[in-house]
Amino acid sequence: MPTLRTPRLTLVPLTDEHLDLEYELDSDPEVMRYLTGRAATREEVEQAHRRRMNTGHGFWMGFADEDFIGWWILRPPHGPDQPDVEGEAELGYRLLRRHWRQGYAREGSLELLRYGFEELDLDRIFAQTMAVNTPSRATMASAGLTFARAFTSAIDYEDHIDGADQGEVEYEIKRERWLACRPGGSTTAAAPPPAR
């Protein structure tokens, strides 16, 4: 995996040296609110780290200068809510709470979209979250993804995550739209205009 760069971020491939940063992120219950509904244990983070080290198209740790911001992922579809379709990938991101609402999630996501479409030749990139997770939905929309569907997850979250009963949503952007909306054909990350 290459190191990716944006105006403010350096996205470096995940290594074992990043485990403590992953734990710092995943042990915050607010960060995990719409994922597991609670802070992750050290053991859970170690297990997740091993899975992340073998993640399809890439898993990147994001830094602004030396400051850890969060991580971004691009992986092939997996699991019961994501049919295995060639040429598609899921976009994901997770940021430390102190870096929320500063545009970092969008900025890193745009670079992964660029990488996915321009370097991996993907046909479609999608992102999923709980319907009640309005901040993440806003990030998806600001990066140029549009609402694709609402669905009920095959995973049972209802006992421990507020709003799980409202289901999940998927946003998407397809290769044709991304390439058509690039400013001047540049590889500089910039969001396509909202769909009409």
N, C-alpha and C. Protein backbone atom coordinates (compact mmCIF):
# COMPACT_ATOMS: atom_id res chain seq x y z
N MET A 1 0.84 -1.19 0.00
CA MET A 1 0.00 0.00 0.00
C MET A 1 0.88 1.24 0.00
N PRO A 2 0.51 2.23 -0.77
CA PRO A 2 1.28 3.47 -0.77
C PRO A 2 0.89 4.38 0.39
N THR A 3 1.77 5.29 0.73
CA THR A 3 1.42 6.39 1.61
C THR A 3 0.65 7.41 0.77
N LEU A 4 -0.45 7.91 1.31
CA LEU A 4 -1.30 8.87 0.61
C LEU A 4 -1.22 10.21 1.32
N ARG A 5 -1.37 11.29 0.55
CA ARG A 5 -1.25 12.62 1.15
C ARG A 5 -2.39 13.53 0.67
N THR A 6 -2.83 14.37 1.58
CA THR A 6 -3.81 15.42 1.29
C THR A 6 -3.20 16.73 1.77
N PRO A 7 -3.88 17.86 1.59
CA PRO A 7 -3.29 19.11 2.07
C PRO A 7 -2.91 19.09 3.55
N ARG A 8 -3.69 18.39 4.38
CA ARG A 8 -3.39 18.38 5.82
C ARG A 8 -2.97 17.04 6.38
N LEU A 9 -3.21 15.96 5.66
CA LEU A 9 -3.03 14.62 6.21
C LEU A 9 -1.95 13.84 5.48
N THR A 10 -1.27 13.00 6.24
CA THR A 10 -0.43 11.95 5.67
C THR A 10 -1.06 10.64 6.12
N LEU A 11 -1.45 9.80 5.16
CA LEU A 11 -2.09 8.52 5.44
C LEU A 11 -1.07 7.42 5.19
N VAL A 12 -0.66 6.77 6.27
CA VAL A 12 0.38 5.75 6.17
C VAL A 12 -0.22 4.37 6.40
N PRO A 13 0.26 3.36 5.68
CA PRO A 13 -0.27 2.01 5.88
C PRO A 13 -0.09 1.54 7.33
N LEU A 14 -1.08 0.83 7.81
CA LEU A 14 -1.07 0.31 9.18
C LEU A 14 0.09 -0.64 9.40
N THR A 15 0.75 -0.51 10.56
CA THR A 15 1.81 -1.44 10.99
C THR A 15 1.56 -1.80 12.45
N ASP A 16 2.34 -2.75 12.96
CA ASP A 16 2.23 -3.13 14.36
C ASP A 16 2.55 -1.97 15.30
N GLU A 17 3.34 -1.03 14.85
CA GLU A 17 3.70 0.13 15.68
C GLU A 17 2.51 1.01 16.00
N HIS A 18 1.41 0.84 15.29
CA HIS A 18 0.24 1.69 15.46
C HIS A 18 -0.78 1.15 16.46
N LEU A 19 -0.51 0.00 17.06
CA LEU A 19 -1.50 -0.66 17.92
C LEU A 19 -1.96 0.24 19.07
N ASP A 20 -1.05 0.94 19.72
CA ASP A 20 -1.45 1.80 20.84
C ASP A 20 -2.37 2.93 20.38
N LEU A 21 -2.15 3.42 19.17
CA LEU A 21 -3.02 4.48 18.63
C LEU A 21 -4.41 3.92 18.34
N GLU A 22 -4.47 2.70 17.83
CA GLU A 22 -5.77 2.06 17.61
C GLU A 22 -6.52 1.91 18.92
N TYR A 23 -5.79 1.53 19.97
CA TYR A 23 -6.43 1.37 21.27
C TYR A 23 -6.92 2.71 21.82
N GLU A 24 -6.12 3.76 21.65
CA GLU A 24 -6.55 5.08 22.08
C GLU A 24 -7.88 5.46 21.42
N LEU A 25 -8.02 5.14 20.16
CA LEU A 25 -9.23 5.47 19.41
C LEU A 25 -10.41 4.60 19.83
N ASP A 26 -10.21 3.30 19.81
CA ASP A 26 -11.32 2.36 20.03
C ASP A 26 -11.74 2.25 21.49
N SER A 27 -10.93 2.75 22.42
CA SER A 27 -11.30 2.68 23.84
C SER A 27 -12.15 3.88 24.27
N ASP A 28 -12.46 4.77 23.35
CA ASP A 28 -13.36 5.90 23.64
C ASP A 28 -14.79 5.47 23.33
N PRO A 29 -15.65 5.39 24.34
CA PRO A 29 -17.03 4.92 24.09
C PRO A 29 -17.81 5.82 23.14
N GLU A 30 -17.48 7.12 23.07
CA GLU A 30 -18.18 8.00 22.14
C GLU A 30 -17.78 7.70 20.69
N VAL A 31 -16.52 7.35 20.47
CA VAL A 31 -16.07 6.96 19.13
C VAL A 31 -16.78 5.68 18.69
N MET A 32 -17.01 4.79 19.64
CA MET A 32 -17.60 3.48 19.33
C MET A 32 -19.12 3.46 19.47
N ARG A 33 -19.70 4.61 19.71
CA ARG A 33 -21.13 4.70 20.02
C ARG A 33 -22.02 3.99 19.01
N TYR A 34 -21.77 4.19 17.70
CA TYR A 34 -22.62 3.60 16.67
C TYR A 34 -22.00 2.34 16.06
N LEU A 35 -20.99 1.80 16.72
CA LEU A 35 -20.33 0.59 16.22
C LEU A 35 -20.58 -0.59 17.14
N THR A 36 -20.23 -0.42 18.41
CA THR A 36 -20.47 -1.49 19.39
C THR A 36 -21.25 -0.98 20.59
N GLY A 37 -21.38 0.34 20.71
CA GLY A 37 -22.09 0.91 21.83
C GLY A 37 -21.28 1.00 23.11
N ARG A 38 -20.00 0.67 23.04
CA ARG A 38 -19.14 0.70 24.24
C ARG A 38 -17.68 0.76 23.83
N ALA A 39 -16.82 1.07 24.79
CA ALA A 39 -15.38 1.09 24.54
C ALA A 39 -14.89 -0.33 24.27
N ALA A 40 -13.91 -0.44 23.40
CA ALA A 40 -13.29 -1.74 23.12
C ALA A 40 -12.24 -2.05 24.17
N THR A 41 -12.07 -3.33 24.48
CA THR A 41 -11.01 -3.75 25.38
C THR A 41 -9.70 -3.86 24.61
N ARG A 42 -8.61 -3.93 25.34
CA ARG A 42 -7.30 -4.09 24.70
C ARG A 42 -7.27 -5.36 23.86
N GLU A 43 -7.82 -6.43 24.38
CA GLU A 43 -7.84 -7.70 23.64
C GLU A 43 -8.64 -7.57 22.34
N GLU A 44 -9.77 -6.89 22.40
CA GLU A 44 -10.58 -6.69 21.19
C GLU A 44 -9.83 -5.86 20.15
N VAL A 45 -9.11 -4.84 20.61
CA VAL A 45 -8.35 -4.02 19.68
C VAL A 45 -7.22 -4.83 19.05
N GLU A 46 -6.58 -5.68 19.82
CA GLU A 46 -5.51 -6.53 19.27
C GLU A 46 -6.06 -7.47 18.21
N GLN A 47 -7.25 -8.03 18.46
CA GLN A 47 -7.88 -8.90 17.46
C GLN A 47 -8.25 -8.11 16.21
N ALA A 48 -8.79 -6.92 16.40
CA ALA A 48 -9.15 -6.06 15.26
C ALA A 48 -7.89 -5.68 14.48
N HIS A 49 -6.80 -5.41 15.19
CA HIS A 49 -5.55 -5.04 14.53
C HIS A 49 -5.08 -6.14 13.58
N ARG A 50 -5.16 -7.38 14.03
CA ARG A 50 -4.73 -8.50 13.18
C ARG A 50 -5.59 -8.58 11.91
N ARG A 51 -6.91 -8.34 12.07
CA ARG A 51 -7.78 -8.34 10.88
C ARG A 51 -7.45 -7.17 9.97
N ARG A 52 -7.21 -6.02 10.55
CA ARG A 52 -6.93 -4.82 9.77
C ARG A 52 -5.64 -4.92 8.98
N MET A 53 -4.68 -5.68 9.49
CA MET A 53 -3.41 -5.84 8.80
C MET A 53 -3.57 -6.57 7.46
N ASN A 54 -4.69 -7.26 7.29
CA ASN A 54 -4.94 -8.02 6.06
C ASN A 54 -6.21 -7.52 5.38
N THR A 55 -6.38 -6.22 5.33
CA THR A 55 -7.61 -5.64 4.79
C THR A 55 -7.46 -5.28 3.32
N GLY A 56 -7.99 -6.12 2.49
CA GLY A 56 -8.16 -5.84 1.07
C GLY A 56 -7.33 -4.75 0.45
N HIS A 57 -7.97 -3.63 0.13
CA HIS A 57 -7.32 -2.56 -0.62
C HIS A 57 -6.45 -1.66 0.24
N GLY A 58 -6.68 -1.62 1.54
CA GLY A 58 -5.79 -0.84 2.38
C GLY A 58 -6.41 -0.30 3.64
N PHE A 59 -5.55 -0.09 4.62
CA PHE A 59 -5.92 0.46 5.91
C PHE A 59 -4.84 1.48 6.26
N TRP A 60 -5.26 2.73 6.44
CA TRP A 60 -4.30 3.82 6.64
C TRP A 60 -4.53 4.53 7.96
N MET A 61 -3.43 4.87 8.63
CA MET A 61 -3.45 5.69 9.83
C MET A 61 -3.15 7.13 9.39
N GLY A 62 -3.98 8.06 9.84
CA GLY A 62 -3.86 9.45 9.40
C GLY A 62 -3.21 10.35 10.42
N PHE A 63 -2.27 11.16 9.96
CA PHE A 63 -1.56 12.09 10.82
C PHE A 63 -1.58 13.48 10.20
N ALA A 64 -1.73 14.50 11.06
CA ALA A 64 -1.54 15.89 10.67
C ALA A 64 -0.24 16.31 11.35
N ASP A 65 0.82 16.46 10.56
CA ASP A 65 2.16 16.57 11.11
C ASP A 65 2.41 15.32 11.96
N GLU A 66 2.68 15.46 13.25
CA GLU A 66 2.92 14.28 14.10
C GLU A 66 1.68 13.86 14.89
N ASP A 67 0.59 14.59 14.72
CA ASP A 67 -0.61 14.37 15.52
C ASP A 67 -1.49 13.29 14.89
N PHE A 68 -1.78 12.24 15.63
CA PHE A 68 -2.66 11.18 15.15
C PHE A 68 -4.09 11.67 15.09
N ILE A 69 -4.72 11.50 13.94
CA ILE A 69 -6.08 11.97 13.70
C ILE A 69 -7.09 10.83 13.77
N GLY A 70 -6.79 9.73 13.08
CA GLY A 70 -7.70 8.60 13.02
C GLY A 70 -7.28 7.66 11.90
N TRP A 71 -8.19 6.78 11.50
CA TRP A 71 -7.86 5.86 10.41
C TRP A 71 -8.93 5.85 9.33
N TRP A 72 -8.50 5.38 8.15
CA TRP A 72 -9.36 5.23 6.98
C TRP A 72 -9.13 3.86 6.37
N ILE A 73 -10.19 3.29 5.81
CA ILE A 73 -10.10 1.94 5.26
C ILE A 73 -10.81 1.88 3.91
N LEU A 74 -10.30 1.03 3.04
CA LEU A 74 -10.95 0.73 1.77
C LEU A 74 -10.84 -0.78 1.61
N ARG A 75 -11.98 -1.47 1.65
CA ARG A 75 -11.94 -2.93 1.62
C ARG A 75 -13.05 -3.50 0.74
N PRO A 76 -12.81 -4.68 0.21
CA PRO A 76 -13.85 -5.34 -0.59
C PRO A 76 -15.09 -5.61 0.26
N PRO A 77 -16.26 -5.71 -0.37
CA PRO A 77 -17.47 -6.01 0.39
C PRO A 77 -17.31 -7.31 1.18
N HIS A 78 -17.94 -7.34 2.36
CA HIS A 78 -17.86 -8.53 3.19
C HIS A 78 -19.12 -8.60 4.06
N GLY A 79 -19.44 -9.77 4.50
CA GLY A 79 -20.52 -9.93 5.45
C GLY A 79 -21.91 -9.96 4.82
N PRO A 80 -22.91 -10.22 5.65
CA PRO A 80 -24.28 -10.43 5.16
C PRO A 80 -24.94 -9.18 4.59
N ASP A 81 -24.48 -7.99 4.97
CA ASP A 81 -25.10 -6.76 4.48
C ASP A 81 -24.41 -6.19 3.26
N GLN A 82 -23.39 -6.89 2.75
CA GLN A 82 -22.60 -6.38 1.62
C GLN A 82 -22.35 -7.50 0.61
N PRO A 83 -23.20 -7.61 -0.40
CA PRO A 83 -22.98 -8.65 -1.41
C PRO A 83 -21.58 -8.53 -2.03
N ASP A 84 -20.96 -9.67 -2.27
CA ASP A 84 -19.61 -9.71 -2.83
C ASP A 84 -19.67 -9.41 -4.32
N VAL A 85 -19.37 -8.16 -4.68
CA VAL A 85 -19.43 -7.72 -6.07
C VAL A 85 -18.04 -7.27 -6.50
N GLU A 86 -17.55 -7.84 -7.57
CA GLU A 86 -16.24 -7.47 -8.10
C GLU A 86 -16.22 -5.99 -8.48
N GLY A 87 -15.14 -5.31 -8.17
CA GLY A 87 -15.00 -3.90 -8.53
C GLY A 87 -15.62 -2.93 -7.56
N GLU A 88 -16.10 -3.43 -6.41
CA GLU A 88 -16.68 -2.56 -5.40
C GLU A 88 -15.83 -2.59 -4.14
N ALA A 89 -15.94 -1.53 -3.34
CA ALA A 89 -15.22 -1.46 -2.07
C ALA A 89 -15.99 -0.61 -1.09
N GLU A 90 -15.79 -0.91 0.18
CA GLU A 90 -16.39 -0.14 1.26
C GLU A 90 -15.38 0.86 1.79
N LEU A 91 -15.82 2.09 1.97
CA LEU A 91 -15.03 3.14 2.60
C LEU A 91 -15.41 3.23 4.06
N GLY A 92 -14.41 3.36 4.93
CA GLY A 92 -14.67 3.54 6.35
C GLY A 92 -13.67 4.51 6.95
N TYR A 93 -14.03 5.08 8.09
CA TYR A 93 -13.14 6.03 8.77
C TYR A 93 -13.54 6.07 10.24
N ARG A 94 -12.58 6.42 11.08
CA ARG A 94 -12.81 6.56 12.51
C ARG A 94 -11.80 7.57 13.04
N LEU A 95 -12.27 8.61 13.72
CA LEU A 95 -11.40 9.69 14.18
C LEU A 95 -11.47 9.88 15.68
N LEU A 96 -10.34 10.31 16.26
CA LEU A 96 -10.34 10.69 17.67
C LEU A 96 -11.33 11.82 17.88
N ARG A 97 -11.99 11.80 19.02
CA ARG A 97 -13.05 12.77 19.27
C ARG A 97 -12.56 14.21 19.19
N ARG A 98 -11.33 14.48 19.62
CA ARG A 98 -10.84 15.86 19.60
C ARG A 98 -10.63 16.40 18.19
N HIS A 99 -10.70 15.51 17.18
CA HIS A 99 -10.54 15.95 15.80
C HIS A 99 -11.85 15.95 15.01
N TRP A 100 -12.96 15.70 15.69
CA TRP A 100 -14.26 15.74 15.01
C TRP A 100 -14.58 17.17 14.58
N ARG A 101 -15.38 17.27 13.53
CA ARG A 101 -15.91 18.54 13.02
C ARG A 101 -14.82 19.51 12.56
N GLN A 102 -13.73 18.97 12.06
CA GLN A 102 -12.66 19.82 11.51
C GLN A 102 -12.39 19.51 10.04
N GLY A 103 -13.23 18.65 9.44
CA GLY A 103 -13.09 18.34 8.02
C GLY A 103 -12.11 17.23 7.71
N TYR A 104 -11.51 16.62 8.72
CA TYR A 104 -10.53 15.57 8.47
C TYR A 104 -11.17 14.30 7.89
N ALA A 105 -12.35 13.92 8.39
CA ALA A 105 -12.99 12.70 7.89
C ALA A 105 -13.26 12.82 6.39
N ARG A 106 -13.77 13.97 5.97
CA ARG A 106 -14.03 14.22 4.55
C ARG A 106 -12.74 14.22 3.75
N GLU A 107 -11.73 14.91 4.27
CA GLU A 107 -10.47 15.05 3.53
C GLU A 107 -9.81 13.70 3.28
N GLY A 108 -9.74 12.87 4.31
CA GLY A 108 -9.17 11.53 4.12
C GLY A 108 -10.02 10.67 3.22
N SER A 109 -11.33 10.79 3.35
CA SER A 109 -12.24 9.99 2.52
C SER A 109 -12.10 10.34 1.05
N LEU A 110 -11.97 11.63 0.75
CA LEU A 110 -11.78 12.05 -0.64
C LEU A 110 -10.53 11.45 -1.24
N GLU A 111 -9.48 11.37 -0.45
CA GLU A 111 -8.24 10.79 -0.98
C GLU A 111 -8.39 9.29 -1.22
N LEU A 112 -9.13 8.59 -0.36
CA LEU A 112 -9.37 7.17 -0.61
C LEU A 112 -10.27 6.95 -1.82
N LEU A 113 -11.24 7.85 -2.03
CA LEU A 113 -12.05 7.75 -3.24
C LEU A 113 -11.18 7.93 -4.48
N ARG A 114 -10.32 8.94 -4.44
CA ARG A 114 -9.41 9.16 -5.56
C ARG A 114 -8.55 7.92 -5.81
N TYR A 115 -7.98 7.40 -4.76
CA TYR A 115 -7.11 6.22 -4.88
C TYR A 115 -7.91 5.03 -5.43
N GLY A 116 -9.11 4.83 -4.91
CA GLY A 116 -9.92 3.70 -5.33
C GLY A 116 -10.31 3.76 -6.79
N PHE A 117 -10.73 4.92 -7.25
CA PHE A 117 -11.17 5.06 -8.63
C PHE A 117 -10.02 5.23 -9.62
N GLU A 118 -9.05 6.03 -9.27
CA GLU A 118 -8.00 6.37 -10.22
C GLU A 118 -6.83 5.39 -10.24
N GLU A 119 -6.58 4.73 -9.12
CA GLU A 119 -5.45 3.82 -9.06
C GLU A 119 -5.85 2.35 -8.98
N LEU A 120 -6.99 2.06 -8.36
CA LEU A 120 -7.46 0.68 -8.28
C LEU A 120 -8.51 0.35 -9.34
N ASP A 121 -8.98 1.37 -10.06
CA ASP A 121 -9.99 1.19 -11.11
C ASP A 121 -11.27 0.55 -10.58
N LEU A 122 -11.67 0.91 -9.38
CA LEU A 122 -12.92 0.40 -8.84
C LEU A 122 -14.10 0.98 -9.60
N ASP A 123 -15.21 0.28 -9.58
CA ASP A 123 -16.44 0.73 -10.24
C ASP A 123 -17.38 1.47 -9.30
N ARG A 124 -17.34 1.09 -8.03
CA ARG A 124 -18.27 1.67 -7.05
C ARG A 124 -17.65 1.61 -5.67
N ILE A 125 -17.81 2.70 -4.92
CA ILE A 125 -17.38 2.74 -3.53
C ILE A 125 -18.58 3.14 -2.69
N PHE A 126 -18.79 2.43 -1.60
CA PHE A 126 -19.94 2.69 -0.75
C PHE A 126 -19.49 2.80 0.71
N ALA A 127 -20.35 3.36 1.53
CA ALA A 127 -20.11 3.46 2.97
C ALA A 127 -21.43 3.20 3.68
N GLN A 128 -21.35 2.59 4.84
CA GLN A 128 -22.54 2.24 5.59
C GLN A 128 -22.43 2.74 7.03
N THR A 129 -23.56 3.09 7.61
CA THR A 129 -23.61 3.47 9.02
C THR A 129 -25.03 3.31 9.52
N MET A 130 -25.21 3.47 10.81
CA MET A 130 -26.56 3.45 11.36
C MET A 130 -27.32 4.69 10.90
N ALA A 131 -28.61 4.55 10.69
CA ALA A 131 -29.43 5.66 10.22
C ALA A 131 -29.36 6.85 11.16
N VAL A 132 -29.19 6.62 12.46
CA VAL A 132 -29.16 7.70 13.43
C VAL A 132 -27.80 8.40 13.52
N ASN A 133 -26.80 7.89 12.83
CA ASN A 133 -25.46 8.48 12.90
C ASN A 133 -25.36 9.65 11.92
N THR A 134 -25.99 10.75 12.27
CA THR A 134 -26.05 11.89 11.35
C THR A 134 -24.68 12.51 11.05
N PRO A 135 -23.72 12.56 11.98
CA PRO A 135 -22.41 13.12 11.61
C PRO A 135 -21.70 12.31 10.52
N SER A 136 -21.75 10.99 10.61
CA SER A 136 -21.11 10.17 9.59
C SER A 136 -21.84 10.28 8.26
N ARG A 137 -23.16 10.35 8.31
CA ARG A 137 -23.93 10.52 7.08
C ARG A 137 -23.59 11.86 6.41
N ALA A 138 -23.39 12.89 7.21
CA ALA A 138 -23.02 14.19 6.66
C ALA A 138 -21.64 14.14 6.01
N THR A 139 -20.71 13.39 6.61
CA THR A 139 -19.39 13.24 6.01
C THR A 139 -19.49 12.54 4.66
N MET A 140 -20.27 11.48 4.60
CA MET A 140 -20.44 10.75 3.34
C MET A 140 -20.98 11.67 2.26
N ALA A 141 -22.01 12.44 2.60
CA ALA A 141 -22.61 13.34 1.61
C ALA A 141 -21.62 14.42 1.19
N SER A 142 -20.85 14.95 2.13
CA SER A 142 -19.92 16.01 1.79
C SER A 142 -18.78 15.52 0.91
N ALA A 143 -18.50 14.22 0.96
CA ALA A 143 -17.47 13.64 0.11
C ALA A 143 -18.01 13.24 -1.27
N GLY A 144 -19.30 13.47 -1.50
CA GLY A 144 -19.88 13.22 -2.82
C GLY A 144 -20.66 11.92 -2.94
N LEU A 145 -20.76 11.15 -1.85
CA LEU A 145 -21.57 9.94 -1.88
C LEU A 145 -23.04 10.32 -1.73
N THR A 146 -23.90 9.55 -2.37
CA THR A 146 -25.33 9.81 -2.29
C THR A 146 -26.05 8.60 -1.70
N PHE A 147 -27.20 8.87 -1.11
CA PHE A 147 -27.98 7.81 -0.46
C PHE A 147 -28.33 6.72 -1.47
N ALA A 148 -28.05 5.47 -1.09
CA ALA A 148 -28.35 4.34 -1.97
C ALA A 148 -29.50 3.49 -1.44
N ARG A 149 -29.51 3.25 -0.13
CA ARG A 149 -30.57 2.38 0.42
C ARG A 149 -30.56 2.45 1.94
N ALA A 150 -31.71 2.10 2.50
CA ALA A 150 -31.84 1.85 3.93
C ALA A 150 -32.06 0.35 4.09
N PHE A 151 -31.55 -0.21 5.16
CA PHE A 151 -31.70 -1.65 5.34
C PHE A 151 -31.63 -2.01 6.82
N THR A 152 -32.08 -3.18 7.14
CA THR A 152 -31.97 -3.72 8.49
C THR A 152 -30.79 -4.66 8.51
N SER A 153 -29.85 -4.40 9.38
CA SER A 153 -28.64 -5.20 9.43
C SER A 153 -28.92 -6.62 9.89
N ALA A 154 -28.15 -7.55 9.37
CA ALA A 154 -28.23 -8.93 9.83
C ALA A 154 -27.58 -9.08 11.21
N ILE A 155 -26.83 -8.06 11.64
CA ILE A 155 -26.19 -8.08 12.96
C ILE A 155 -27.16 -7.47 13.95
N ASP A 156 -27.33 -8.11 15.10
CA ASP A 156 -28.28 -7.64 16.11
C ASP A 156 -27.58 -6.68 17.07
N TYR A 157 -27.85 -5.37 16.92
CA TYR A 157 -27.27 -4.36 17.79
C TYR A 157 -28.24 -3.86 18.85
N GLU A 158 -29.48 -4.22 18.75
CA GLU A 158 -30.54 -3.50 19.46
C GLU A 158 -30.38 -3.47 20.97
N ASP A 159 -29.72 -4.44 21.55
CA ASP A 159 -29.62 -4.47 23.00
C ASP A 159 -28.69 -3.41 23.57
N HIS A 160 -27.76 -2.91 22.76
CA HIS A 160 -26.74 -2.05 23.36
C HIS A 160 -26.39 -0.80 22.56
N ILE A 161 -27.08 -0.51 21.49
CA ILE A 161 -26.80 0.72 20.75
C ILE A 161 -28.11 1.49 20.54
N ASP A 162 -28.15 2.68 21.11
CA ASP A 162 -29.35 3.52 20.93
C ASP A 162 -29.57 3.83 19.46
N GLY A 163 -30.78 3.66 19.00
CA GLY A 163 -31.13 3.96 17.62
C GLY A 163 -30.94 2.82 16.66
N ALA A 164 -30.46 1.67 17.13
CA ALA A 164 -30.25 0.53 16.22
C ALA A 164 -31.56 0.06 15.60
N ASP A 165 -32.66 0.30 16.30
CA ASP A 165 -33.96 -0.13 15.78
C ASP A 165 -34.38 0.66 14.54
N GLN A 166 -33.69 1.76 14.25
CA GLN A 166 -34.00 2.55 13.06
C GLN A 166 -33.24 2.07 11.82
N GLY A 167 -32.41 1.05 11.98
CA GLY A 167 -31.75 0.44 10.84
C GLY A 167 -30.48 1.15 10.41
N GLU A 168 -30.01 0.77 9.23
CA GLU A 168 -28.77 1.29 8.70
C GLU A 168 -29.00 1.90 7.32
N VAL A 169 -28.01 2.64 6.86
CA VAL A 169 -28.09 3.26 5.54
C VAL A 169 -26.78 3.02 4.79
N GLU A 170 -26.90 3.07 3.48
CA GLU A 170 -25.73 2.93 2.62
C GLU A 170 -25.69 4.11 1.65
N TYR A 171 -24.51 4.71 1.51
CA TYR A 171 -24.27 5.78 0.55
C TYR A 171 -23.27 5.26 -0.48
N GLU A 172 -23.28 5.83 -1.69
CA GLU A 172 -22.43 5.32 -2.75
C GLU A 172 -21.98 6.42 -3.69
N ILE A 173 -20.91 6.11 -4.40
CA ILE A 173 -20.51 6.90 -5.56
C ILE A 173 -19.92 5.93 -6.57
N LYS A 174 -20.28 6.13 -7.85
CA LYS A 174 -19.80 5.24 -8.91
C LYS A 174 -18.68 5.91 -9.70
N ARG A 175 -17.89 5.07 -10.29
CA ARG A 175 -16.68 5.52 -11.00
C ARG A 175 -16.98 6.61 -12.04
N GLU A 176 -18.03 6.40 -12.83
CA GLU A 176 -18.34 7.34 -13.89
C GLU A 176 -18.58 8.74 -13.33
N ARG A 177 -19.31 8.82 -12.23
CA ARG A 177 -19.60 10.12 -11.65
C ARG A 177 -18.35 10.76 -11.06
N TRP A 178 -17.55 9.95 -10.39
CA TRP A 178 -16.32 10.50 -9.81
C TRP A 178 -15.41 11.07 -10.90
N LEU A 179 -15.20 10.30 -11.95
CA LEU A 179 -14.29 10.74 -13.01
C LEU A 179 -14.85 11.95 -13.74
N ALA A 180 -16.16 11.98 -13.94
CA ALA A 180 -16.77 13.11 -14.66
C ALA A 180 -16.71 14.40 -13.85
N CYS A 181 -16.67 14.28 -12.55
CA CYS A 181 -16.73 15.47 -11.70
C CYS A 181 -15.38 15.94 -11.19
N ARG A 182 -14.31 15.26 -11.56
CA ARG A 182 -12.99 15.72 -11.13
C ARG A 182 -12.73 17.11 -11.70
N PRO A 183 -12.25 18.03 -10.90
CA PRO A 183 -11.98 19.37 -11.43
C PRO A 183 -10.82 19.33 -12.42
N GLY A 184 -11.12 19.59 -13.68
CA GLY A 184 -10.08 19.63 -14.71
C GLY A 184 -9.33 18.34 -14.91
N GLY A 185 -9.94 17.25 -14.48
CA GLY A 185 -9.25 15.98 -14.62
C GLY A 185 -8.10 15.81 -13.65
N SER A 186 -8.01 16.70 -12.66
CA SER A 186 -6.92 16.66 -11.70
C SER A 186 -7.05 15.47 -10.77
N THR A 187 -5.94 14.99 -10.24
CA THR A 187 -5.98 13.94 -9.24
C THR A 187 -6.04 14.52 -7.84
N THR A 188 -6.15 15.85 -7.74
CA THR A 188 -6.32 16.46 -6.43
C THR A 188 -7.68 16.08 -5.89
N ALA A 189 -7.71 15.64 -4.61
CA ALA A 189 -8.96 15.20 -4.02
C ALA A 189 -9.93 16.37 -3.89
N ALA A 190 -11.08 16.21 -4.50
CA ALA A 190 -12.14 17.22 -4.37
C ALA A 190 -13.47 16.51 -4.56
N ALA A 191 -14.46 16.92 -3.84
CA ALA A 191 -15.75 16.23 -3.89
C ALA A 191 -16.50 16.58 -5.16
N PRO A 192 -17.14 15.60 -5.78
CA PRO A 192 -18.06 15.90 -6.86
C PRO A 192 -19.22 16.71 -6.32
N PRO A 193 -19.90 17.45 -7.17
CA PRO A 193 -21.06 18.20 -6.70
C PRO A 193 -22.17 17.24 -6.29
N PRO A 194 -23.06 17.68 -5.41
CA PRO A 194 -24.16 16.81 -4.99
C PRO A 194 -24.99 16.35 -6.18
N ALA A 195 -25.49 15.13 -6.10
CA ALA A 195 -26.34 14.59 -7.17
C ALA A 195 -27.65 15.36 -7.19
N ARG A 196 -28.21 15.51 -8.36
CA ARG A 196 -29.49 16.22 -8.51
C ARG A 196 -30.58 15.21 -8.83
